[in-house]
Amino acid sequence: MPLIRPLIRLSILLTASLSLSGCFASAMLGTAAVGTSGMHDERTIGRQLDDVAIASKIDARLIAERDMPSRWVGVEVIRGHVTLTGHLPSRRHIERAVLITKQILGVVDVDNKIEIGTPKIRTVMSDSWITTRIKRRLWNDKLVSGFKIHVETVNGKVYLQGVVNRLIERQRAKDIAKGTPGVTAVVDLMQSGNS
C-alpha cells in the first residue's frame, strides 16, 4: 500500500506533463524523478533538485533563443556540471548554446558534446532504442542502480553520467553499455560519490 500512492502521484505527474509544453513539463518530470530516485542517487535530494532546476533553466533559455533549434539538444546536470549532447546545424549555434549554458547560475562547467548537423529520424529512433535497452539492463542489475546512471545516446555513442560510490558500479555500467547492440562508443562521465 505505501508504494501505491507514490506510483499514483508519479503517473498523474507523467500524464499531466504530456499536456504541458517546454521546460515546465521537464521540471515537473525532473521533480517527480528526484522524488522516486532519491533513495538510489548518491546526491542529496537538495543537490538533485538544484540540478533539475539548472537543467530546466538551460532548457528554457535555449528554447527562448531565436534561431536555436534546441529540440535536438540534450541537457544533463550532475552537481552543477553540465553536459550538452545532440545536434545543432552549425558551429555558431553550438557556441551560442554553450555560452547560454555558462551564463546560468549554478553551472560549474560545460562539457560540450553537441555535433554539427541534423539527426536522421532513423538514427534518433536507434539511439532511443539503445538508451532504453541500457537503462532496462541497469535497472535489472544487482551491482548498479538504473537510478544512479543517466544514459544519453547520440549516433550510437553512449554517454554515462551520474554519481557512483564504488569502482565496480562504474565498471559494470560501462560493461552493460558496451555489450548493447548498436553501441559504437561509451563515454564515461560518471563522478565519484566522494568528490
N, C-alpha and C. Protein backbone atom coordinates (compact mmCIF):
# COMPACT_ATOMS: atom_id res chain seq x y z
N MET A 1 0.81 -1.21 0.00
CA MET A 1 0.00 0.00 0.00
C MET A 1 0.85 1.28 0.00
N PRO A 2 1.98 1.35 0.79
CA PRO A 2 2.77 2.57 0.80
C PRO A 2 3.36 2.90 -0.58
N LEU A 3 3.66 1.88 -1.40
CA LEU A 3 4.24 2.11 -2.71
C LEU A 3 3.21 2.58 -3.72
N ILE A 4 1.94 2.27 -3.51
CA ILE A 4 0.90 2.60 -4.47
C ILE A 4 0.70 4.12 -4.57
N ARG A 5 0.68 4.81 -3.45
CA ARG A 5 0.46 6.27 -3.50
C ARG A 5 1.54 7.00 -4.29
N PRO A 6 2.86 6.72 -4.06
CA PRO A 6 3.87 7.40 -4.89
C PRO A 6 3.71 7.05 -6.37
N LEU A 7 3.35 5.82 -6.68
CA LEU A 7 3.18 5.44 -8.08
C LEU A 7 2.00 6.17 -8.71
N ILE A 8 0.92 6.33 -7.95
CA ILE A 8 -0.24 7.07 -8.46
C ILE A 8 0.15 8.52 -8.70
N ARG A 9 0.88 9.12 -7.74
CA ARG A 9 1.32 10.51 -7.91
C ARG A 9 2.23 10.65 -9.14
N LEU A 10 3.16 9.70 -9.30
CA LEU A 10 4.06 9.75 -10.44
C LEU A 10 3.29 9.62 -11.74
N SER A 11 2.31 8.72 -11.81
CA SER A 11 1.54 8.56 -13.05
C SER A 11 0.71 9.80 -13.34
N ILE A 12 0.20 10.45 -12.31
CA ILE A 12 -0.55 11.70 -12.51
C ILE A 12 0.38 12.78 -13.06
N LEU A 13 1.59 12.89 -12.48
CA LEU A 13 2.55 13.87 -12.96
C LEU A 13 2.95 13.60 -14.41
N LEU A 14 3.18 12.32 -14.73
CA LEU A 14 3.56 11.97 -16.09
C LEU A 14 2.44 12.29 -17.07
N THR A 15 1.21 11.96 -16.70
CA THR A 15 0.06 12.25 -17.55
C THR A 15 -0.11 13.75 -17.73
N ALA A 16 -0.01 14.48 -16.64
CA ALA A 16 -0.16 15.94 -16.72
C ALA A 16 0.94 16.55 -17.58
N SER A 17 2.15 16.01 -17.48
CA SER A 17 3.26 16.60 -18.22
C SER A 17 3.11 16.41 -19.72
N LEU A 18 2.38 15.39 -20.14
CA LEU A 18 2.17 15.18 -21.56
C LEU A 18 1.37 16.32 -22.18
N SER A 19 0.54 16.95 -21.37
CA SER A 19 -0.26 18.05 -21.90
C SER A 19 0.42 19.40 -21.71
N LEU A 20 1.58 19.42 -21.04
CA LEU A 20 2.32 20.66 -20.83
C LEU A 20 3.39 20.79 -21.89
N SER A 21 3.92 21.99 -22.04
CA SER A 21 4.96 22.18 -23.05
C SER A 21 6.24 22.66 -22.41
N GLY A 22 7.33 22.51 -23.17
CA GLY A 22 8.61 23.10 -22.83
C GLY A 22 9.20 22.66 -21.51
N CYS A 23 9.89 23.61 -20.90
CA CYS A 23 10.67 23.28 -19.72
C CYS A 23 9.81 23.06 -18.49
N PHE A 24 8.56 23.58 -18.47
CA PHE A 24 7.71 23.34 -17.31
C PHE A 24 7.44 21.85 -17.15
N ALA A 25 7.19 21.20 -18.28
CA ALA A 25 6.98 19.74 -18.25
C ALA A 25 8.26 19.05 -17.80
N SER A 26 9.42 19.53 -18.29
CA SER A 26 10.69 18.94 -17.88
C SER A 26 10.91 19.10 -16.39
N ALA A 27 10.58 20.26 -15.86
CA ALA A 27 10.75 20.50 -14.43
C ALA A 27 9.83 19.58 -13.62
N MET A 28 8.59 19.41 -14.10
CA MET A 28 7.66 18.53 -13.41
C MET A 28 8.19 17.10 -13.40
N LEU A 29 8.63 16.63 -14.56
CA LEU A 29 9.16 15.27 -14.65
C LEU A 29 10.43 15.13 -13.85
N GLY A 30 11.30 16.13 -13.91
CA GLY A 30 12.54 16.08 -13.15
C GLY A 30 12.29 16.00 -11.67
N THR A 31 11.32 16.76 -11.18
CA THR A 31 10.98 16.73 -9.76
C THR A 31 10.40 15.38 -9.39
N ALA A 32 9.55 14.83 -10.24
CA ALA A 32 8.99 13.51 -9.98
C ALA A 32 10.10 12.46 -9.95
N ALA A 33 11.04 12.57 -10.87
CA ALA A 33 12.14 11.61 -10.91
C ALA A 33 13.00 11.73 -9.67
N VAL A 34 13.22 12.94 -9.19
CA VAL A 34 14.00 13.13 -7.97
C VAL A 34 13.29 12.43 -6.80
N GLY A 35 11.98 12.60 -6.74
CA GLY A 35 11.23 12.01 -5.64
C GLY A 35 11.27 10.50 -5.64
N THR A 36 11.27 9.89 -6.83
CA THR A 36 11.26 8.43 -6.88
C THR A 36 12.66 7.84 -6.85
N SER A 37 13.67 8.61 -7.25
CA SER A 37 15.01 8.03 -7.32
C SER A 37 15.91 8.47 -6.18
N GLY A 38 15.44 9.36 -5.33
CA GLY A 38 16.27 9.93 -4.28
C GLY A 38 16.98 8.91 -3.42
N MET A 39 16.31 7.82 -3.14
CA MET A 39 16.93 6.82 -2.28
C MET A 39 18.03 6.05 -2.99
N HIS A 40 18.12 6.16 -4.33
CA HIS A 40 19.12 5.41 -5.08
C HIS A 40 20.25 6.29 -5.59
N ASP A 41 20.06 7.57 -5.63
CA ASP A 41 21.04 8.50 -6.16
C ASP A 41 22.00 8.91 -5.05
N GLU A 42 23.28 8.97 -5.37
CA GLU A 42 24.30 9.32 -4.37
C GLU A 42 24.24 10.81 -3.99
N ARG A 43 23.58 11.64 -4.82
CA ARG A 43 23.45 13.05 -4.49
C ARG A 43 22.36 13.24 -3.45
N THR A 44 22.47 14.30 -2.67
CA THR A 44 21.39 14.60 -1.73
C THR A 44 20.16 15.05 -2.50
N ILE A 45 19.00 14.99 -1.88
CA ILE A 45 17.77 15.44 -2.53
C ILE A 45 17.90 16.92 -2.92
N GLY A 46 18.49 17.72 -2.05
CA GLY A 46 18.69 19.14 -2.36
C GLY A 46 19.56 19.33 -3.59
N ARG A 47 20.63 18.56 -3.70
CA ARG A 47 21.52 18.66 -4.86
C ARG A 47 20.79 18.22 -6.14
N GLN A 48 20.00 17.15 -6.02
CA GLN A 48 19.24 16.68 -7.17
C GLN A 48 18.26 17.76 -7.64
N LEU A 49 17.58 18.39 -6.70
CA LEU A 49 16.63 19.45 -7.05
C LEU A 49 17.35 20.64 -7.68
N ASP A 50 18.53 20.99 -7.16
CA ASP A 50 19.32 22.07 -7.75
C ASP A 50 19.69 21.73 -9.20
N ASP A 51 20.11 20.48 -9.42
CA ASP A 51 20.49 20.06 -10.77
C ASP A 51 19.31 20.09 -11.73
N VAL A 52 18.15 19.65 -11.26
CA VAL A 52 16.93 19.70 -12.09
C VAL A 52 16.58 21.15 -12.42
N ALA A 53 16.70 22.04 -11.43
CA ALA A 53 16.39 23.46 -11.66
C ALA A 53 17.35 24.06 -12.69
N ILE A 54 18.63 23.74 -12.59
CA ILE A 54 19.62 24.25 -13.54
C ILE A 54 19.29 23.75 -14.95
N ALA A 55 19.00 22.46 -15.07
CA ALA A 55 18.67 21.88 -16.39
C ALA A 55 17.44 22.55 -16.98
N SER A 56 16.44 22.79 -16.15
CA SER A 56 15.21 23.44 -16.63
C SER A 56 15.47 24.87 -17.10
N LYS A 57 16.33 25.59 -16.38
CA LYS A 57 16.67 26.95 -16.79
C LYS A 57 17.43 26.96 -18.12
N ILE A 58 18.33 26.01 -18.28
CA ILE A 58 19.07 25.91 -19.54
C ILE A 58 18.10 25.61 -20.68
N ASP A 59 17.22 24.61 -20.47
CA ASP A 59 16.22 24.27 -21.49
C ASP A 59 15.39 25.50 -21.87
N ALA A 60 14.93 26.22 -20.86
CA ALA A 60 14.07 27.38 -21.11
C ALA A 60 14.82 28.45 -21.91
N ARG A 61 16.07 28.71 -21.55
CA ARG A 61 16.86 29.71 -22.28
C ARG A 61 17.13 29.29 -23.72
N LEU A 62 17.43 28.01 -23.93
CA LEU A 62 17.68 27.53 -25.28
C LEU A 62 16.41 27.59 -26.14
N ILE A 63 15.28 27.23 -25.53
CA ILE A 63 14.01 27.28 -26.25
C ILE A 63 13.65 28.72 -26.61
N ALA A 64 13.92 29.65 -25.71
CA ALA A 64 13.58 31.06 -25.93
C ALA A 64 14.50 31.73 -26.95
N GLU A 65 15.66 31.16 -27.18
CA GLU A 65 16.64 31.75 -28.09
C GLU A 65 16.14 31.69 -29.53
N ARG A 66 16.17 32.84 -30.18
CA ARG A 66 15.76 32.90 -31.59
C ARG A 66 16.74 32.13 -32.46
N ASP A 67 16.24 31.45 -33.45
CA ASP A 67 17.07 30.70 -34.40
C ASP A 67 17.91 29.62 -33.70
N MET A 68 17.35 28.99 -32.66
CA MET A 68 18.07 27.92 -31.97
C MET A 68 17.18 26.67 -31.97
N PRO A 69 17.45 25.72 -32.87
CA PRO A 69 16.64 24.50 -32.91
C PRO A 69 17.02 23.57 -31.74
N SER A 70 16.62 23.96 -30.55
CA SER A 70 17.06 23.29 -29.32
C SER A 70 16.43 21.92 -29.10
N ARG A 71 15.45 21.53 -29.93
CA ARG A 71 14.79 20.24 -29.71
C ARG A 71 15.75 19.06 -29.84
N TRP A 72 16.88 19.26 -30.50
CA TRP A 72 17.84 18.17 -30.68
C TRP A 72 18.98 18.23 -29.65
N VAL A 73 18.85 19.09 -28.64
CA VAL A 73 19.91 19.24 -27.64
C VAL A 73 19.47 18.58 -26.33
N GLY A 74 20.31 17.69 -25.82
CA GLY A 74 20.07 17.07 -24.52
C GLY A 74 20.90 17.78 -23.46
N VAL A 75 20.28 18.01 -22.30
CA VAL A 75 20.97 18.69 -21.20
C VAL A 75 20.95 17.77 -19.99
N GLU A 76 22.12 17.48 -19.46
CA GLU A 76 22.22 16.66 -18.26
C GLU A 76 23.08 17.43 -17.25
N VAL A 77 22.60 17.50 -16.01
CA VAL A 77 23.33 18.24 -14.97
C VAL A 77 23.56 17.32 -13.78
N ILE A 78 24.81 17.17 -13.39
CA ILE A 78 25.19 16.39 -12.22
C ILE A 78 26.12 17.27 -11.39
N ARG A 79 25.63 17.66 -10.19
CA ARG A 79 26.41 18.52 -9.29
C ARG A 79 26.84 19.83 -9.94
N GLY A 80 26.01 20.37 -10.79
CA GLY A 80 26.31 21.63 -11.46
C GLY A 80 27.16 21.49 -12.71
N HIS A 81 27.67 20.29 -12.96
CA HIS A 81 28.46 20.04 -14.17
C HIS A 81 27.48 19.68 -15.29
N VAL A 82 27.49 20.45 -16.35
CA VAL A 82 26.52 20.29 -17.44
C VAL A 82 27.17 19.59 -18.62
N THR A 83 26.45 18.62 -19.17
CA THR A 83 26.86 18.00 -20.43
C THR A 83 25.77 18.27 -21.45
N LEU A 84 26.17 18.84 -22.58
CA LEU A 84 25.26 19.09 -23.69
C LEU A 84 25.54 18.04 -24.77
N THR A 85 24.49 17.35 -25.21
CA THR A 85 24.63 16.36 -26.26
C THR A 85 23.61 16.66 -27.36
N GLY A 86 23.74 15.97 -28.47
CA GLY A 86 22.77 16.11 -29.54
C GLY A 86 23.35 16.78 -30.77
N HIS A 87 22.49 17.53 -31.47
CA HIS A 87 22.87 18.14 -32.74
C HIS A 87 22.39 19.58 -32.83
N LEU A 88 23.18 20.40 -33.50
CA LEU A 88 22.77 21.75 -33.91
C LEU A 88 23.33 21.98 -35.31
N PRO A 89 22.71 22.87 -36.10
CA PRO A 89 23.07 22.99 -37.50
C PRO A 89 24.45 23.59 -37.81
N SER A 90 25.03 24.35 -36.89
CA SER A 90 26.32 24.99 -37.21
C SER A 90 27.16 25.18 -35.95
N ARG A 91 28.44 25.48 -36.18
CA ARG A 91 29.37 25.77 -35.08
C ARG A 91 28.87 26.99 -34.31
N ARG A 92 28.32 27.99 -35.01
CA ARG A 92 27.79 29.20 -34.37
C ARG A 92 26.68 28.84 -33.39
N HIS A 93 25.77 27.96 -33.78
CA HIS A 93 24.68 27.54 -32.90
C HIS A 93 25.24 26.84 -31.64
N ILE A 94 26.22 25.99 -31.86
CA ILE A 94 26.82 25.25 -30.74
C ILE A 94 27.49 26.21 -29.77
N GLU A 95 28.27 27.15 -30.29
CA GLU A 95 28.95 28.13 -29.43
C GLU A 95 27.94 28.96 -28.65
N ARG A 96 26.84 29.32 -29.30
CA ARG A 96 25.79 30.10 -28.62
C ARG A 96 25.15 29.27 -27.51
N ALA A 97 24.87 27.99 -27.77
CA ALA A 97 24.27 27.12 -26.76
C ALA A 97 25.19 26.98 -25.54
N VAL A 98 26.48 26.84 -25.79
CA VAL A 98 27.45 26.73 -24.69
C VAL A 98 27.51 28.03 -23.90
N LEU A 99 27.54 29.16 -24.59
CA LEU A 99 27.57 30.47 -23.92
C LEU A 99 26.33 30.67 -23.04
N ILE A 100 25.16 30.36 -23.58
CA ILE A 100 23.91 30.48 -22.82
C ILE A 100 23.98 29.61 -21.57
N THR A 101 24.46 28.39 -21.72
CA THR A 101 24.54 27.45 -20.60
C THR A 101 25.47 27.98 -19.51
N LYS A 102 26.62 28.50 -19.91
CA LYS A 102 27.59 29.02 -18.93
C LYS A 102 27.04 30.19 -18.13
N GLN A 103 26.07 30.91 -18.68
CA GLN A 103 25.51 32.08 -18.01
C GLN A 103 24.47 31.73 -16.95
N ILE A 104 24.06 30.48 -16.88
CA ILE A 104 23.05 30.07 -15.91
C ILE A 104 23.68 29.93 -14.53
N LEU A 105 23.06 30.55 -13.53
CA LEU A 105 23.54 30.50 -12.15
C LEU A 105 23.56 29.05 -11.67
N GLY A 106 24.67 28.63 -11.10
CA GLY A 106 24.80 27.28 -10.58
C GLY A 106 25.58 26.34 -11.48
N VAL A 107 25.83 26.78 -12.72
CA VAL A 107 26.61 25.95 -13.64
C VAL A 107 28.08 26.04 -13.26
N VAL A 108 28.69 24.88 -12.99
CA VAL A 108 30.10 24.82 -12.62
C VAL A 108 30.97 24.81 -13.88
N ASP A 109 30.62 23.94 -14.82
CA ASP A 109 31.32 23.88 -16.10
C ASP A 109 30.42 23.23 -17.14
N VAL A 110 30.84 23.34 -18.40
CA VAL A 110 30.04 22.80 -19.50
C VAL A 110 30.91 21.88 -20.34
N ASP A 111 30.44 20.66 -20.52
CA ASP A 111 31.11 19.68 -21.38
C ASP A 111 30.28 19.60 -22.65
N ASN A 112 30.79 20.17 -23.72
CA ASN A 112 30.05 20.25 -24.98
C ASN A 112 30.29 19.00 -25.83
N LYS A 113 29.24 18.21 -26.03
CA LYS A 113 29.31 17.02 -26.88
C LYS A 113 28.36 17.16 -28.07
N ILE A 114 27.90 18.37 -28.35
CA ILE A 114 26.97 18.60 -29.45
C ILE A 114 27.70 18.44 -30.78
N GLU A 115 27.05 17.75 -31.71
CA GLU A 115 27.61 17.55 -33.04
C GLU A 115 26.92 18.47 -34.04
N ILE A 116 27.65 18.84 -35.08
CA ILE A 116 27.08 19.68 -36.13
C ILE A 116 26.25 18.80 -37.06
N GLY A 117 25.03 19.28 -37.37
CA GLY A 117 24.18 18.56 -38.30
C GLY A 117 22.77 18.40 -37.77
N THR A 118 21.99 17.69 -38.54
CA THR A 118 20.61 17.39 -38.17
C THR A 118 20.47 15.88 -38.09
N PRO A 119 19.98 15.36 -36.98
CA PRO A 119 19.88 13.90 -36.86
C PRO A 119 18.80 13.34 -37.79
N LYS A 120 19.07 12.17 -38.32
CA LYS A 120 18.08 11.48 -39.13
C LYS A 120 17.11 10.76 -38.19
N ILE A 121 15.86 10.70 -38.58
CA ILE A 121 14.84 10.05 -37.75
C ILE A 121 15.25 8.62 -37.40
N ARG A 122 15.81 7.93 -38.36
CA ARG A 122 16.23 6.54 -38.12
C ARG A 122 17.29 6.48 -37.02
N THR A 123 18.23 7.43 -37.04
CA THR A 123 19.28 7.48 -36.02
C THR A 123 18.70 7.81 -34.66
N VAL A 124 17.77 8.77 -34.62
CA VAL A 124 17.13 9.15 -33.35
C VAL A 124 16.41 7.95 -32.75
N MET A 125 15.71 7.20 -33.58
CA MET A 125 14.98 6.02 -33.08
C MET A 125 15.95 4.95 -32.60
N SER A 126 17.03 4.74 -33.34
CA SER A 126 18.04 3.77 -32.94
C SER A 126 18.68 4.17 -31.62
N ASP A 127 19.02 5.46 -31.48
CA ASP A 127 19.61 5.96 -30.24
C ASP A 127 18.66 5.79 -29.06
N SER A 128 17.38 6.06 -29.29
CA SER A 128 16.38 5.89 -28.22
C SER A 128 16.28 4.43 -27.81
N TRP A 129 16.32 3.55 -28.79
CA TRP A 129 16.25 2.11 -28.51
C TRP A 129 17.47 1.66 -27.70
N ILE A 130 18.66 2.14 -28.08
CA ILE A 130 19.89 1.80 -27.34
C ILE A 130 19.78 2.29 -25.90
N THR A 131 19.38 3.54 -25.71
CA THR A 131 19.24 4.11 -24.37
C THR A 131 18.27 3.28 -23.54
N THR A 132 17.13 2.93 -24.12
CA THR A 132 16.12 2.15 -23.41
C THR A 132 16.67 0.79 -22.99
N ARG A 133 17.38 0.13 -23.88
CA ARG A 133 17.93 -1.20 -23.55
C ARG A 133 18.96 -1.11 -22.43
N ILE A 134 19.82 -0.09 -22.50
CA ILE A 134 20.84 0.07 -21.45
C ILE A 134 20.17 0.38 -20.11
N LYS A 135 19.21 1.31 -20.11
CA LYS A 135 18.52 1.65 -18.86
C LYS A 135 17.83 0.42 -18.27
N ARG A 136 17.16 -0.36 -19.11
CA ARG A 136 16.48 -1.56 -18.61
C ARG A 136 17.47 -2.53 -17.97
N ARG A 137 18.61 -2.71 -18.61
CA ARG A 137 19.63 -3.61 -18.05
C ARG A 137 20.20 -3.05 -16.74
N LEU A 138 20.38 -1.72 -16.67
CA LEU A 138 20.86 -1.12 -15.42
C LEU A 138 19.85 -1.29 -14.30
N TRP A 139 18.55 -1.10 -14.61
CA TRP A 139 17.51 -1.24 -13.59
C TRP A 139 17.43 -2.67 -13.07
N ASN A 140 17.76 -3.64 -13.92
CA ASN A 140 17.68 -5.04 -13.50
C ASN A 140 18.98 -5.58 -12.95
N ASP A 141 20.01 -4.77 -12.91
CA ASP A 141 21.31 -5.23 -12.46
C ASP A 141 21.43 -5.18 -10.94
N LYS A 142 22.16 -6.13 -10.37
CA LYS A 142 22.33 -6.20 -8.92
C LYS A 142 23.47 -5.31 -8.41
N LEU A 143 24.39 -4.91 -9.28
CA LEU A 143 25.55 -4.13 -8.86
C LEU A 143 25.35 -2.62 -8.97
N VAL A 144 24.60 -2.19 -9.96
CA VAL A 144 24.47 -0.75 -10.19
C VAL A 144 22.99 -0.41 -10.40
N SER A 145 22.57 0.72 -9.89
CA SER A 145 21.17 1.13 -9.99
C SER A 145 20.93 1.97 -11.24
N GLY A 146 19.85 1.68 -11.94
CA GLY A 146 19.45 2.48 -13.09
C GLY A 146 19.10 3.90 -12.72
N PHE A 147 18.82 4.13 -11.44
CA PHE A 147 18.51 5.49 -11.00
C PHE A 147 19.77 6.33 -10.83
N LYS A 148 20.92 5.69 -10.59
CA LYS A 148 22.17 6.43 -10.40
C LYS A 148 22.78 6.88 -11.72
N ILE A 149 22.62 6.07 -12.75
CA ILE A 149 23.31 6.32 -14.01
C ILE A 149 22.35 6.90 -15.03
N HIS A 150 22.71 8.04 -15.58
CA HIS A 150 21.93 8.69 -16.62
C HIS A 150 22.56 8.31 -17.96
N VAL A 151 21.73 7.94 -18.92
CA VAL A 151 22.21 7.45 -20.21
C VAL A 151 21.70 8.35 -21.32
N GLU A 152 22.59 8.76 -22.18
CA GLU A 152 22.24 9.55 -23.37
C GLU A 152 22.98 8.94 -24.54
N THR A 153 22.30 8.73 -25.66
CA THR A 153 22.93 8.14 -26.84
C THR A 153 22.79 9.10 -28.02
N VAL A 154 23.91 9.37 -28.69
CA VAL A 154 23.93 10.22 -29.87
C VAL A 154 24.75 9.50 -30.94
N ASN A 155 24.09 9.17 -32.06
CA ASN A 155 24.75 8.45 -33.17
C ASN A 155 25.44 7.17 -32.70
N GLY A 156 24.81 6.46 -31.79
CA GLY A 156 25.37 5.21 -31.29
C GLY A 156 26.39 5.37 -30.19
N LYS A 157 26.83 6.60 -29.93
CA LYS A 157 27.80 6.86 -28.85
C LYS A 157 27.02 7.09 -27.56
N VAL A 158 27.34 6.31 -26.52
CA VAL A 158 26.61 6.35 -25.26
C VAL A 158 27.40 7.16 -24.23
N TYR A 159 26.70 8.12 -23.61
CA TYR A 159 27.27 8.93 -22.54
C TYR A 159 26.68 8.46 -21.23
N LEU A 160 27.53 8.06 -20.29
CA LEU A 160 27.09 7.62 -18.97
C LEU A 160 27.46 8.69 -17.96
N GLN A 161 26.43 9.17 -17.24
CA GLN A 161 26.65 10.18 -16.22
C GLN A 161 25.97 9.76 -14.94
N GLY A 162 26.40 10.35 -13.85
CA GLY A 162 25.80 10.06 -12.56
C GLY A 162 26.87 10.06 -11.49
N VAL A 163 26.45 9.71 -10.30
CA VAL A 163 27.36 9.67 -9.17
C VAL A 163 27.35 8.26 -8.60
N VAL A 164 28.51 7.64 -8.55
CA VAL A 164 28.64 6.29 -8.02
C VAL A 164 29.72 6.25 -6.95
N ASN A 165 29.53 5.41 -5.95
CA ASN A 165 30.49 5.32 -4.86
C ASN A 165 31.58 4.29 -5.09
N ARG A 166 31.25 3.26 -5.86
CA ARG A 166 32.21 2.15 -5.98
C ARG A 166 32.68 1.98 -7.43
N LEU A 167 33.96 1.65 -7.58
CA LEU A 167 34.55 1.43 -8.89
C LEU A 167 33.83 0.30 -9.62
N ILE A 168 33.39 -0.71 -8.90
CA ILE A 168 32.71 -1.85 -9.51
C ILE A 168 31.40 -1.41 -10.18
N GLU A 169 30.71 -0.42 -9.59
CA GLU A 169 29.47 0.10 -10.19
C GLU A 169 29.79 0.80 -11.51
N ARG A 170 30.82 1.59 -11.49
CA ARG A 170 31.23 2.34 -12.68
C ARG A 170 31.59 1.38 -13.81
N GLN A 171 32.40 0.37 -13.49
CA GLN A 171 32.83 -0.59 -14.50
C GLN A 171 31.66 -1.40 -15.02
N ARG A 172 30.76 -1.79 -14.13
CA ARG A 172 29.59 -2.58 -14.54
C ARG A 172 28.71 -1.77 -15.50
N ALA A 173 28.49 -0.49 -15.22
CA ALA A 173 27.70 0.36 -16.10
C ALA A 173 28.33 0.45 -17.48
N LYS A 174 29.67 0.60 -17.53
CA LYS A 174 30.37 0.67 -18.81
C LYS A 174 30.25 -0.66 -19.57
N ASP A 175 30.39 -1.77 -18.85
CA ASP A 175 30.29 -3.09 -19.48
C ASP A 175 28.90 -3.32 -20.06
N ILE A 176 27.87 -2.91 -19.32
CA ILE A 176 26.50 -3.06 -19.81
C ILE A 176 26.31 -2.25 -21.09
N ALA A 177 26.80 -1.02 -21.09
CA ALA A 177 26.66 -0.17 -22.28
C ALA A 177 27.43 -0.76 -23.46
N LYS A 178 28.67 -1.17 -23.23
CA LYS A 178 29.50 -1.72 -24.31
C LYS A 178 28.89 -2.99 -24.89
N GLY A 179 28.19 -3.77 -24.07
CA GLY A 179 27.61 -5.03 -24.53
C GLY A 179 26.25 -4.88 -25.19
N THR A 180 25.80 -3.66 -25.41
CA THR A 180 24.50 -3.43 -26.01
C THR A 180 24.64 -3.28 -27.52
N PRO A 181 23.87 -4.04 -28.29
CA PRO A 181 23.95 -3.93 -29.76
C PRO A 181 23.68 -2.51 -30.25
N GLY A 182 24.48 -2.08 -31.22
CA GLY A 182 24.31 -0.76 -31.81
C GLY A 182 25.20 0.31 -31.20
N VAL A 183 25.83 0.01 -30.07
CA VAL A 183 26.70 0.98 -29.40
C VAL A 183 28.03 1.05 -30.14
N THR A 184 28.43 2.26 -30.53
CA THR A 184 29.69 2.45 -31.24
C THR A 184 30.82 2.89 -30.30
N ALA A 185 30.47 3.54 -29.20
CA ALA A 185 31.46 4.00 -28.22
C ALA A 185 30.75 4.31 -26.91
N VAL A 186 31.50 4.25 -25.81
CA VAL A 186 30.96 4.58 -24.49
C VAL A 186 31.85 5.66 -23.89
N VAL A 187 31.22 6.76 -23.48
CA VAL A 187 31.94 7.88 -22.86
C VAL A 187 31.57 7.91 -21.38
N ASP A 188 32.55 7.72 -20.52
CA ASP A 188 32.35 7.68 -19.07
C ASP A 188 32.47 9.10 -18.51
N LEU A 189 31.32 9.67 -18.12
CA LEU A 189 31.29 10.98 -17.49
C LEU A 189 30.84 10.89 -16.04
N MET A 190 30.90 9.67 -15.48
CA MET A 190 30.42 9.45 -14.12
C MET A 190 31.38 10.10 -13.12
N GLN A 191 30.83 10.48 -11.98
CA GLN A 191 31.61 11.10 -10.92
C GLN A 191 31.63 10.19 -9.70
N SER A 192 32.67 10.32 -8.93
CA SER A 192 32.79 9.56 -7.69
C SER A 192 31.89 10.17 -6.64
N GLY A 193 31.27 9.33 -5.82
CA GLY A 193 30.39 9.82 -4.75
C GLY A 193 31.13 10.60 -3.70
N ASN A 194 32.43 10.51 -3.67
CA ASN A 194 33.24 11.17 -2.65
C ASN A 194 33.75 12.54 -3.08
N SER A 195 33.52 12.92 -4.37
CA SER A 195 34.07 14.20 -4.83
C SER A 195 33.10 15.34 -4.62
